[in-house]
Amino acid sequence: MGRHARRKVEPERRPAGIDHWAGLWVAIKDGKVIAASENSRDLVAMVRSKGPGGEGAVAQYVPKRTDDIMIGVG
């Protein structure tokens, strides 16, 4: 482990109301959805068209809420 103190990493919280966008790619800035699209390529174009207002936005896919569990290996 070494001598460095462990850093507590907070989980990324699911923004309120994000389920409205289930099945879409969204761009989030300051906790608000500023653009949404069915694919990430179109989302990037939408965010770029906002100019400085789109800078710093984070893109993410909003999966539908399920009880399924997905585990990635690799």
C-alpha atoms as a PDB file:
ATOM      1  CA  MET A   1       0.000   0.000   0.000  1.00  0.00           C
ATOM      2  CA  GLY A   2       2.834   2.414   0.562  1.00  0.00           C
ATOM      3  CA  ARG A   3       2.966   5.450   2.808  1.00  0.00           C
ATOM      4  CA  HIS A   4       0.355   7.550   1.079  1.00  0.00           C
ATOM      5  CA  ALA A   5      -2.915   8.108   2.837  1.00  0.00           C
ATOM      6  CA  ARG A   6      -5.885   6.487   1.165  1.00  0.00           C
ATOM      7  CA  ARG A   7      -8.163   8.866  -0.599  1.00  0.00           C
ATOM      8  CA  LYS A   8     -11.904   8.361  -0.274  1.00  0.00           C
ATOM      9  CA  VAL A   9     -13.505   8.364  -3.694  1.00  0.00           C
ATOM     10  CA  GLU A  10     -17.156   9.306  -3.810  1.00  0.00           C
ATOM     11  CA  PRO A  11     -19.400   7.455  -6.264  1.00  0.00           C
ATOM     12  CA  GLU A  12     -20.756   9.415  -9.203  1.00  0.00           C
ATOM     13  CA  ARG A  13     -24.314  10.279  -8.240  1.00  0.00           C
ATOM     14  CA  ARG A  14     -27.138   9.744 -10.718  1.00  0.00           C
ATOM     15  CA  PRO A  15     -28.622  13.201 -11.383  1.00  0.00           C
ATOM     16  CA  ALA A  16     -32.245  13.693 -10.348  1.00  0.00           C
ATOM     17  CA  GLY A  17     -34.683  13.270 -13.214  1.00  0.00           C
ATOM     18  CA  ILE A  18     -32.149  11.508 -15.427  1.00  0.00           C
ATOM     19  CA  ASP A  19     -34.522   8.556 -15.936  1.00  0.00           C
ATOM     20  CA  HIS A  20     -36.505  10.818 -18.278  1.00  0.00           C
ATOM     21  CA  TRP A  21     -33.575  10.420 -20.698  1.00  0.00           C
ATOM     22  CA  ALA A  22     -33.333   6.597 -20.455  1.00  0.00           C
ATOM     23  CA  GLY A  23     -31.959   5.036 -23.633  1.00  0.00           C
ATOM     24  CA  LEU A  24     -30.270   8.252 -24.789  1.00  0.00           C
ATOM     25  CA  TRP A  25     -26.843   9.849 -24.673  1.00  0.00           C
ATOM     26  CA  VAL A  26     -26.888  13.070 -22.641  1.00  0.00           C
ATOM     27  CA  ALA A  27     -24.500  15.943 -22.017  1.00  0.00           C
ATOM     28  CA  ILE A  28     -24.554  17.165 -18.430  1.00  0.00           C
ATOM     29  CA  LYS A  29     -23.174  20.473 -17.248  1.00  0.00           C
ATOM     30  CA  ASP A  30     -23.595  21.904 -13.761  1.00  0.00           C
ATOM     31  CA  GLY A  31     -25.959  19.046 -12.892  1.00  0.00           C
ATOM     32  CA  LYS A  32     -28.352  19.764 -15.783  1.00  0.00           C
ATOM     33  CA  VAL A  33     -28.902  17.990 -19.091  1.00  0.00           C
ATOM     34  CA  ILE A  34     -27.967  20.464 -21.829  1.00  0.00           C
ATOM     35  CA  ALA A  35     -28.344  18.099 -24.811  1.00  0.00           C
ATOM     36  CA  ALA A  36     -29.634  14.606 -25.578  1.00  0.00           C
ATOM     37  CA  SER A  37     -29.354  12.335 -28.599  1.00  0.00           C
ATOM     38  CA  GLU A  38     -29.804   8.719 -29.665  1.00  0.00           C
ATOM     39  CA  ASN A  39     -26.089   8.452 -30.470  1.00  0.00           C
ATOM     40  CA  SER A  40     -22.893   9.951 -29.139  1.00  0.00           C
ATOM     41  CA  ARG A  41     -21.761  11.377 -32.488  1.00  0.00           C
ATOM     42  CA  ASP A  42     -24.844  13.584 -32.807  1.00  0.00           C
ATOM     43  CA  LEU A  43     -24.550  14.538 -29.144  1.00  0.00           C
ATOM     44  CA  VAL A  44     -21.032  15.858 -29.687  1.00  0.00           C
ATOM     45  CA  ALA A  45     -22.269  18.006 -32.584  1.00  0.00           C
ATOM     46  CA  MET A  46     -25.100  19.376 -30.425  1.00  0.00           C
ATOM     47  CA  VAL A  47     -22.728  20.276 -27.594  1.00  0.00           C
ATOM     48  CA  ARG A  48     -20.219  21.907 -29.956  1.00  0.00           C
ATOM     49  CA  SER A  49     -23.012  23.992 -31.488  1.00  0.00           C
ATOM     50  CA  LYS A  50     -23.576  25.545 -28.042  1.00  0.00           C
ATOM     51  CA  GLY A  51     -20.108  27.124 -28.189  1.00  0.00           C
ATOM     52  CA  PRO A  52     -18.768  28.199 -24.788  1.00  0.00           C
ATOM     53  CA  GLY A  53     -22.058  27.135 -23.174  1.00  0.00           C
ATOM     54  CA  GLY A  54     -21.234  23.526 -23.952  1.00  0.00           C
ATOM     55  CA  GLU A  55     -17.629  23.582 -22.738  1.00  0.00           C
ATOM     56  CA  GLY A  56     -17.020  21.355 -19.743  1.00  0.00           C
ATOM     57  CA  ALA A  57     -20.097  19.186 -20.301  1.00  0.00           C
ATOM     58  CA  VAL A  58     -19.793  15.479 -19.556  1.00  0.00           C
ATOM     59  CA  ALA A  59     -21.340  12.933 -21.936  1.00  0.00           C
ATOM     60  CA  GLN A  60     -22.894   9.742 -20.658  1.00  0.00           C
ATOM     61  CA  TYR A  61     -25.315   7.071 -21.764  1.00  0.00           C
ATOM     62  CA  VAL A  62     -28.412   6.751 -19.586  1.00  0.00           C
ATOM     63  CA  PRO A  63     -29.318   3.078 -19.251  1.00  0.00           C
ATOM     64  CA  LYS A  64     -32.837   2.015 -18.462  1.00  0.00           C
ATOM     65  CA  ARG A  65     -33.355   1.126 -14.800  1.00  0.00           C
ATOM     66  CA  THR A  66     -33.315  -2.638 -14.313  1.00  0.00           C
ATOM     67  CA  ASP A  67     -32.461  -5.190 -11.696  1.00  0.00           C
ATOM     68  CA  ASP A  68     -29.925  -6.747 -14.084  1.00  0.00           C
ATOM     69  CA  ILE A  69     -26.297  -6.684 -13.041  1.00  0.00           C
ATOM     70  CA  MET A  70     -23.499  -6.183 -15.540  1.00  0.00           C
ATOM     71  CA  ILE A  71     -19.936  -7.090 -14.676  1.00  0.00           C
ATOM     72  CA  GLY A  72     -17.083  -6.100 -16.956  1.00  0.00           C
ATOM     73  CA  VAL A  73     -13.921  -8.154 -17.053  1.00  0.00           C
ATOM     74  CA  GLY A  74     -10.764  -7.045 -18.741  1.00  0.00           C
END
